[in-house]
Amino acid sequence: MTMLRHTMLLSFCAAVSLTAFVPARAADSDTTTPPVATETTTTCTDGKIWNEEKKECVAPEDLKPAEVTPTEGTPAEEKPPEGEEKKSQIDIDNKLYEAAREFAYAGQYENALRALRAASNQEDPRILNYMGYNTRKLGDMQLGMTYYKRALQKDENYILARSYMGQALIEQGDIEGARVQLVEIRDRGGENTWAYRALLQSLGGERTTY
């Protein structure tokens, strides 16, 4: 009897944890607001990105993590803490991702891909999903679908990738496959998100702007 109660308790805790996780990830995947145009698309050319610190356009590949100054009493040649170094690199990847969104919204898909390729974490589901989106927009549907699938292998709850994949499936005439992705988004807590609405509208024949 004790063993049965223990098993039931573990099952309940697991269910609660999963339920709490899914909506959080779904909310993180809602891109209702278009990116704001910055100097990246209004001033810079040749796929360069505006560097706010330097006040100039720089190549995506030249965006470097900020140097961490050693604290007092620390030898100058000693490397900064790994956590700080990692955070700095994540900040750069976030800037590259936002630049890619801005490029894509402006129809500059090649520039968007260049920014994404400069990210250090090429296994980030956001990066993979957007690689898929821009590749697909450039006409390579098969490669685009490969990126979507890789994004979902990294995070099956990344509903934005499911939405984009569903819209790609519609373009290929696979309506049933798109409906499957719509149900997946709903069942993962994303029914009130842009990802769900965009795919739902596409299935109804209404095209979305982004």
C-alpha atoms as a PDB file:
ATOM      1  CA  MET A   1       0.000   0.000   0.000  1.00  0.00           C
ATOM      2  CA  THR A   2       2.855   2.338   0.904  1.00  0.00           C
ATOM      3  CA  MET A   3       4.611   1.555  -2.369  1.00  0.00           C
ATOM      4  CA  LEU A   4       1.431   2.291  -4.355  1.00  0.00           C
ATOM      5  CA  ARG A   5       0.943   5.662  -2.641  1.00  0.00           C
ATOM      6  CA  HIS A   6       4.575   6.519  -3.296  1.00  0.00           C
ATOM      7  CA  THR A   7       4.226   5.679  -6.999  1.00  0.00           C
ATOM      8  CA  MET A   8       1.034   7.735  -7.284  1.00  0.00           C
ATOM      9  CA  LEU A   9       2.725  10.702  -5.606  1.00  0.00           C
ATOM     10  CA  LEU A  10       5.653  10.563  -8.033  1.00  0.00           C
ATOM     11  CA  SER A  11       3.275  10.412 -10.999  1.00  0.00           C
ATOM     12  CA  PHE A  12       1.333  13.406  -9.696  1.00  0.00           C
ATOM     13  CA  CYS A  13       4.511  15.463  -9.200  1.00  0.00           C
ATOM     14  CA  ALA A  14       5.703  14.623 -12.702  1.00  0.00           C
ATOM     15  CA  ALA A  15       2.385  15.684 -14.175  1.00  0.00           C
ATOM     16  CA  VAL A  16       2.436  18.971 -12.273  1.00  0.00           C
ATOM     17  CA  SER A  17       5.987  19.679 -13.401  1.00  0.00           C
ATOM     18  CA  LEU A  18       5.122  19.027 -17.045  1.00  0.00           C
ATOM     19  CA  THR A  19       2.008  21.168 -16.878  1.00  0.00           C
ATOM     20  CA  ALA A  20       3.949  24.042 -15.359  1.00  0.00           C
ATOM     21  CA  PHE A  21       6.683  23.781 -17.970  1.00  0.00           C
ATOM     22  CA  VAL A  22       4.642  23.726 -21.158  1.00  0.00           C
ATOM     23  CA  PRO A  23       2.712  27.028 -20.822  1.00  0.00           C
ATOM     24  CA  ALA A  24       5.907  28.823 -19.808  1.00  0.00           C
ATOM     25  CA  ARG A  25       7.646  27.671 -22.960  1.00  0.00           C
ATOM     26  CA  ALA A  26       4.571  28.466 -25.008  1.00  0.00           C
ATOM     27  CA  ALA A  27       4.460  32.032 -23.717  1.00  0.00           C
ATOM     28  CA  ASP A  28       8.153  32.442 -24.514  1.00  0.00           C
ATOM     29  CA  SER A  29       7.363  31.501 -28.116  1.00  0.00           C
ATOM     30  CA  ASP A  30       4.763  34.182 -28.770  1.00  0.00           C
ATOM     31  CA  THR A  31       5.999  36.722 -31.339  1.00  0.00           C
ATOM     32  CA  THR A  32       3.012  39.007 -31.674  1.00  0.00           C
ATOM     33  CA  THR A  33       5.052  42.207 -31.929  1.00  0.00           C
ATOM     34  CA  PRO A  34       7.075  42.800 -35.116  1.00  0.00           C
ATOM     35  CA  PRO A  35      10.697  43.816 -34.531  1.00  0.00           C
ATOM     36  CA  VAL A  36      11.341  47.552 -34.392  1.00  0.00           C
ATOM     37  CA  ALA A  37      13.430  48.815 -37.298  1.00  0.00           C
ATOM     38  CA  THR A  38      16.830  50.009 -36.090  1.00  0.00           C
ATOM     39  CA  GLU A  39      19.978  51.288 -37.770  1.00  0.00           C
ATOM     40  CA  THR A  40      20.619  47.651 -38.740  1.00  0.00           C
ATOM     41  CA  THR A  41      18.070  47.980 -41.567  1.00  0.00           C
ATOM     42  CA  THR A  42      17.825  51.773 -41.898  1.00  0.00           C
ATOM     43  CA  THR A  43      21.530  52.694 -41.972  1.00  0.00           C
ATOM     44  CA  CYS A  44      23.763  49.624 -42.243  1.00  0.00           C
ATOM     45  CA  THR A  45      24.420  47.880 -45.569  1.00  0.00           C
ATOM     46  CA  ASP A  46      25.935  44.596 -46.762  1.00  0.00           C
ATOM     47  CA  GLY A  47      24.366  42.581 -43.948  1.00  0.00           C
ATOM     48  CA  LYS A  48      26.106  44.518 -41.188  1.00  0.00           C
ATOM     49  CA  ILE A  49      24.546  45.026 -37.767  1.00  0.00           C
ATOM     50  CA  TRP A  50      24.384  48.221 -35.748  1.00  0.00           C
ATOM     51  CA  ASN A  51      26.645  48.118 -32.697  1.00  0.00           C
ATOM     52  CA  GLU A  52      25.144  50.426 -30.107  1.00  0.00           C
ATOM     53  CA  GLU A  53      28.299  50.498 -27.994  1.00  0.00           C
ATOM     54  CA  LYS A  54      30.578  51.484 -30.872  1.00  0.00           C
ATOM     55  CA  LYS A  55      27.910  53.512 -32.683  1.00  0.00           C
ATOM     56  CA  GLU A  56      28.812  51.904 -35.987  1.00  0.00           C
ATOM     57  CA  CYS A  57      27.825  49.069 -38.321  1.00  0.00           C
ATOM     58  CA  VAL A  58      29.812  45.864 -37.859  1.00  0.00           C
ATOM     59  CA  ALA A  59      29.834  42.495 -39.559  1.00  0.00           C
ATOM     60  CA  PRO A  60      27.863  39.835 -37.628  1.00  0.00           C
ATOM     61  CA  GLU A  61      31.022  37.738 -37.390  1.00  0.00           C
ATOM     62  CA  ASP A  62      32.817  40.621 -35.653  1.00  0.00           C
ATOM     63  CA  LEU A  63      30.382  40.908 -32.757  1.00  0.00           C
ATOM     64  CA  LYS A  64      32.456  39.788 -29.798  1.00  0.00           C
ATOM     65  CA  PRO A  65      31.556  39.211 -26.140  1.00  0.00           C
ATOM     66  CA  ALA A  66      32.380  42.161 -23.918  1.00  0.00           C
ATOM     67  CA  GLU A  67      35.716  41.838 -22.175  1.00  0.00           C
ATOM     68  CA  VAL A  68      35.354  41.096 -18.474  1.00  0.00           C
ATOM     69  CA  THR A  69      37.720  43.169 -16.350  1.00  0.00           C
ATOM     70  CA  PRO A  70      39.436  41.068 -13.641  1.00  0.00           C
ATOM     71  CA  THR A  71      38.379  41.968 -10.134  1.00  0.00           C
ATOM     72  CA  GLU A  72      40.830  43.617  -7.761  1.00  0.00           C
ATOM     73  CA  GLY A  73      43.434  41.187  -6.530  1.00  0.00           C
ATOM     74  CA  THR A  74      42.922  38.795  -9.468  1.00  0.00           C
ATOM     75  CA  PRO A  75      45.910  38.185 -11.756  1.00  0.00           C
ATOM     76  CA  ALA A  76      45.407  39.983 -15.087  1.00  0.00           C
ATOM     77  CA  GLU A  77      46.193  36.868 -17.086  1.00  0.00           C
ATOM     78  CA  GLU A  78      43.540  34.816 -15.272  1.00  0.00           C
ATOM     79  CA  LYS A  79      40.472  34.041 -17.358  1.00  0.00           C
ATOM     80  CA  PRO A  80      37.126  35.524 -16.294  1.00  0.00           C
ATOM     81  CA  PRO A  81      34.687  33.165 -14.539  1.00  0.00           C
ATOM     82  CA  GLU A  82      33.118  30.696 -16.966  1.00  0.00           C
ATOM     83  CA  GLY A  83      29.622  31.865 -16.045  1.00  0.00           C
ATOM     84  CA  GLU A  84      30.371  35.477 -16.981  1.00  0.00           C
ATOM     85  CA  GLU A  85      31.985  34.420 -20.246  1.00  0.00           C
ATOM     86  CA  LYS A  86      28.977  32.271 -21.130  1.00  0.00           C
ATOM     87  CA  LYS A  87      26.506  35.053 -20.267  1.00  0.00           C
ATOM     88  CA  SER A  88      28.405  37.470 -22.479  1.00  0.00           C
ATOM     89  CA  GLN A  89      28.255  35.031 -25.402  1.00  0.00           C
ATOM     90  CA  ILE A  90      24.539  34.466 -24.854  1.00  0.00           C
ATOM     91  CA  ASP A  91      24.026  38.235 -24.997  1.00  0.00           C
ATOM     92  CA  ILE A  92      25.779  38.321 -28.379  1.00  0.00           C
ATOM     93  CA  ASP A  93      23.653  35.430 -29.672  1.00  0.00           C
ATOM     94  CA  ASN A  94      20.521  37.298 -28.550  1.00  0.00           C
ATOM     95  CA  LYS A  95      21.632  40.392 -30.490  1.00  0.00           C
ATOM     96  CA  LEU A  96      22.281  38.270 -33.573  1.00  0.00           C
ATOM     97  CA  TYR A  97      18.868  36.617 -33.252  1.00  0.00           C
ATOM     98  CA  GLU A  98      17.100  39.979 -32.936  1.00  0.00           C
ATOM     99  CA  ALA A  99      19.046  41.298 -35.925  1.00  0.00           C
ATOM    100  CA  ALA A 100      17.979  38.217 -37.910  1.00  0.00           C
ATOM    101  CA  ARG A 101      14.334  38.906 -37.023  1.00  0.00           C
ATOM    102  CA  GLU A 102      14.714  42.497 -38.182  1.00  0.00           C
ATOM    103  CA  PHE A 103      16.368  41.418 -41.442  1.00  0.00           C
ATOM    104  CA  ALA A 104      13.701  38.790 -42.090  1.00  0.00           C
ATOM    105  CA  TYR A 105      10.859  41.219 -41.488  1.00  0.00           C
ATOM    106  CA  ALA A 106      12.500  43.571 -43.999  1.00  0.00           C
ATOM    107  CA  GLY A 107      12.694  40.726 -46.533  1.00  0.00           C
ATOM    108  CA  GLN A 108      16.501  40.489 -46.247  1.00  0.00           C
ATOM    109  CA  TYR A 109      16.613  36.713 -45.835  1.00  0.00           C
ATOM    110  CA  GLU A 110      20.256  36.245 -46.860  1.00  0.00           C
ATOM    111  CA  ASN A 111      21.351  38.830 -44.295  1.00  0.00           C
ATOM    112  CA  ALA A 112      19.188  37.103 -41.678  1.00  0.00           C
ATOM    113  CA  LEU A 113      20.931  33.786 -42.362  1.00  0.00           C
ATOM    114  CA  ARG A 114      24.336  35.447 -42.121  1.00  0.00           C
ATOM    115  CA  ALA A 115      23.477  36.833 -38.689  1.00  0.00           C
ATOM    116  CA  LEU A 116      22.201  33.443 -37.516  1.00  0.00           C
ATOM    117  CA  ARG A 117      25.314  31.630 -38.743  1.00  0.00           C
ATOM    118  CA  ALA A 118      27.448  33.980 -36.618  1.00  0.00           C
ATOM    119  CA  ALA A 119      25.783  32.778 -33.389  1.00  0.00           C
ATOM    120  CA  SER A 120      27.976  30.625 -31.186  1.00  0.00           C
ATOM    121  CA  ASN A 121      25.195  28.219 -30.209  1.00  0.00           C
ATOM    122  CA  GLN A 122      24.052  26.698 -33.478  1.00  0.00           C
ATOM    123  CA  GLU A 123      21.922  24.189 -31.574  1.00  0.00           C
ATOM    124  CA  ASP A 124      19.699  26.857 -30.003  1.00  0.00           C
ATOM    125  CA  PRO A 125      16.118  25.986 -31.089  1.00  0.00           C
ATOM    126  CA  ARG A 126      15.486  29.670 -31.851  1.00  0.00           C
ATOM    127  CA  ILE A 127      18.471  29.766 -34.204  1.00  0.00           C
ATOM    128  CA  LEU A 128      17.507  26.491 -35.888  1.00  0.00           C
ATOM    129  CA  ASN A 129      13.888  27.569 -36.310  1.00  0.00           C
ATOM    130  CA  TYR A 130      14.852  30.869 -37.859  1.00  0.00           C
ATOM    131  CA  MET A 131      17.394  29.194 -40.107  1.00  0.00           C
ATOM    132  CA  GLY A 132      14.457  27.117 -41.314  1.00  0.00           C
ATOM    133  CA  TYR A 133      12.217  30.147 -41.812  1.00  0.00           C
ATOM    134  CA  ASN A 134      14.723  32.170 -43.839  1.00  0.00           C
ATOM    135  CA  THR A 135      15.941  29.179 -45.826  1.00  0.00           C
ATOM    136  CA  ARG A 136      12.346  28.372 -46.734  1.00  0.00           C
ATOM    137  CA  LYS A 137      11.696  31.977 -47.756  1.00  0.00           C
ATOM    138  CA  LEU A 138      14.671  31.744 -50.100  1.00  0.00           C
ATOM    139  CA  GLY A 139      13.045  28.777 -51.818  1.00  0.00           C
ATOM    140  CA  ASP A 140      14.757  25.748 -50.259  1.00  0.00           C
ATOM    141  CA  MET A 141      11.748  24.122 -48.621  1.00  0.00           C
ATOM    142  CA  GLN A 142      13.440  20.776 -47.972  1.00  0.00           C
ATOM    143  CA  LEU A 143      16.365  22.290 -46.076  1.00  0.00           C
ATOM    144  CA  GLY A 144      13.999  24.605 -44.231  1.00  0.00           C
ATOM    145  CA  MET A 145      11.969  21.636 -43.005  1.00  0.00           C
ATOM    146  CA  THR A 146      15.173  19.965 -41.842  1.00  0.00           C
ATOM    147  CA  TYR A 147      15.942  22.966 -39.629  1.00  0.00           C
ATOM    148  CA  TYR A 148      12.414  22.944 -38.160  1.00  0.00           C
ATOM    149  CA  LYS A 149      12.758  19.269 -37.289  1.00  0.00           C
ATOM    150  CA  ARG A 150      16.132  19.855 -35.658  1.00  0.00           C
ATOM    151  CA  ALA A 151      14.651  22.695 -33.583  1.00  0.00           C
ATOM    152  CA  LEU A 152      11.906  20.366 -32.333  1.00  0.00           C
ATOM    153  CA  GLN A 153      14.433  17.643 -31.577  1.00  0.00           C
ATOM    154  CA  LYS A 154      16.112  20.131 -29.255  1.00  0.00           C
ATOM    155  CA  ASP A 155      12.835  21.299 -27.716  1.00  0.00           C
ATOM    156  CA  GLU A 156       9.599  19.530 -28.626  1.00  0.00           C
ATOM    157  CA  ASN A 157       7.646  22.258 -26.798  1.00  0.00           C
ATOM    158  CA  TYR A 158       8.987  25.054 -28.995  1.00  0.00           C
ATOM    159  CA  ILE A 159       5.620  25.913 -30.498  1.00  0.00           C
ATOM    160  CA  LEU A 160       6.899  28.667 -32.776  1.00  0.00           C
ATOM    161  CA  ALA A 161       8.815  26.030 -34.749  1.00  0.00           C
ATOM    162  CA  ARG A 162       5.622  23.961 -34.921  1.00  0.00           C
ATOM    163  CA  SER A 163       3.729  26.979 -36.257  1.00  0.00           C
ATOM    164  CA  TYR A 164       6.318  27.747 -38.938  1.00  0.00           C
ATOM    165  CA  MET A 165       6.544  24.072 -39.861  1.00  0.00           C
ATOM    166  CA  GLY A 166       2.752  23.915 -40.134  1.00  0.00           C
ATOM    167  CA  GLN A 167       2.714  26.901 -42.473  1.00  0.00           C
ATOM    168  CA  ALA A 168       5.431  25.261 -44.569  1.00  0.00           C
ATOM    169  CA  LEU A 169       3.364  22.089 -44.741  1.00  0.00           C
ATOM    170  CA  ILE A 170       0.397  24.107 -46.027  1.00  0.00           C
ATOM    171  CA  GLU A 171       2.608  25.528 -48.789  1.00  0.00           C
ATOM    172  CA  GLN A 172       3.413  21.930 -49.748  1.00  0.00           C
ATOM    173  CA  GLY A 173      -0.262  20.967 -49.762  1.00  0.00           C
ATOM    174  CA  ASP A 174      -0.044  18.825 -46.617  1.00  0.00           C
ATOM    175  CA  ILE A 175      -3.082  20.246 -44.823  1.00  0.00           C
ATOM    176  CA  GLU A 176      -3.440  17.240 -42.538  1.00  0.00           C
ATOM    177  CA  GLY A 177       0.177  17.546 -41.419  1.00  0.00           C
ATOM    178  CA  ALA A 178      -0.399  21.221 -40.630  1.00  0.00           C
ATOM    179  CA  ARG A 179      -3.484  20.354 -38.573  1.00  0.00           C
ATOM    180  CA  VAL A 180      -1.402  17.878 -36.587  1.00  0.00           C
ATOM    181  CA  GLN A 181       1.001  20.693 -35.686  1.00  0.00           C
ATOM    182  CA  LEU A 182      -1.920  22.940 -34.718  1.00  0.00           C
ATOM    183  CA  VAL A 183      -3.186  20.294 -32.293  1.00  0.00           C
ATOM    184  CA  GLU A 184       0.339  19.847 -30.920  1.00  0.00           C
ATOM    185  CA  ILE A 185       0.554  23.585 -30.215  1.00  0.00           C
ATOM    186  CA  ARG A 186      -2.835  23.555 -28.478  1.00  0.00           C
ATOM    187  CA  ASP A 187      -2.011  20.495 -26.390  1.00  0.00           C
ATOM    188  CA  ARG A 188       1.258  22.076 -25.271  1.00  0.00           C
ATOM    189  CA  GLY A 189      -0.512  25.098 -23.805  1.00  0.00           C
ATOM    190  CA  GLY A 190      -0.177  27.450 -26.764  1.00  0.00           C
ATOM    191  CA  GLU A 191      -3.792  28.029 -27.784  1.00  0.00           C
ATOM    192  CA  ASN A 192      -3.695  31.719 -26.804  1.00  0.00           C
ATOM    193  CA  THR A 193      -0.417  32.496 -28.578  1.00  0.00           C
ATOM    194  CA  TRP A 194       0.540  34.056 -31.899  1.00  0.00           C
ATOM    195  CA  ALA A 195       2.003  30.702 -32.970  1.00  0.00           C
ATOM    196  CA  TYR A 196      -1.421  29.048 -32.716  1.00  0.00           C
ATOM    197  CA  ARG A 197      -3.381  31.940 -34.237  1.00  0.00           C
ATOM    198  CA  ALA A 198      -1.007  32.292 -37.192  1.00  0.00           C
ATOM    199  CA  LEU A 199      -1.262  28.632 -38.130  1.00  0.00           C
ATOM    200  CA  LEU A 200      -5.011  28.591 -37.557  1.00  0.00           C
ATOM    201  CA  GLN A 201      -5.439  31.587 -39.879  1.00  0.00           C
ATOM    202  CA  SER A 202      -3.246  29.934 -42.512  1.00  0.00           C
ATOM    203  CA  LEU A 203      -5.388  26.811 -42.369  1.00  0.00           C
ATOM    204  CA  GLY A 204      -8.442  29.008 -42.881  1.00  0.00           C
ATOM    205  CA  GLY A 205      -6.940  30.545 -45.972  1.00  0.00           C
ATOM    206  CA  GLU A 206      -5.904  33.825 -44.301  1.00  0.00           C
ATOM    207  CA  ARG A 207      -2.213  34.570 -44.774  1.00  0.00           C
ATOM    208  CA  THR A 208      -0.241  36.155 -41.943  1.00  0.00           C
ATOM    209  CA  THR A 209       2.230  38.992 -42.444  1.00  0.00           C
ATOM    210  CA  TYR A 210       4.987  37.416 -40.341  1.00  0.00           C
END
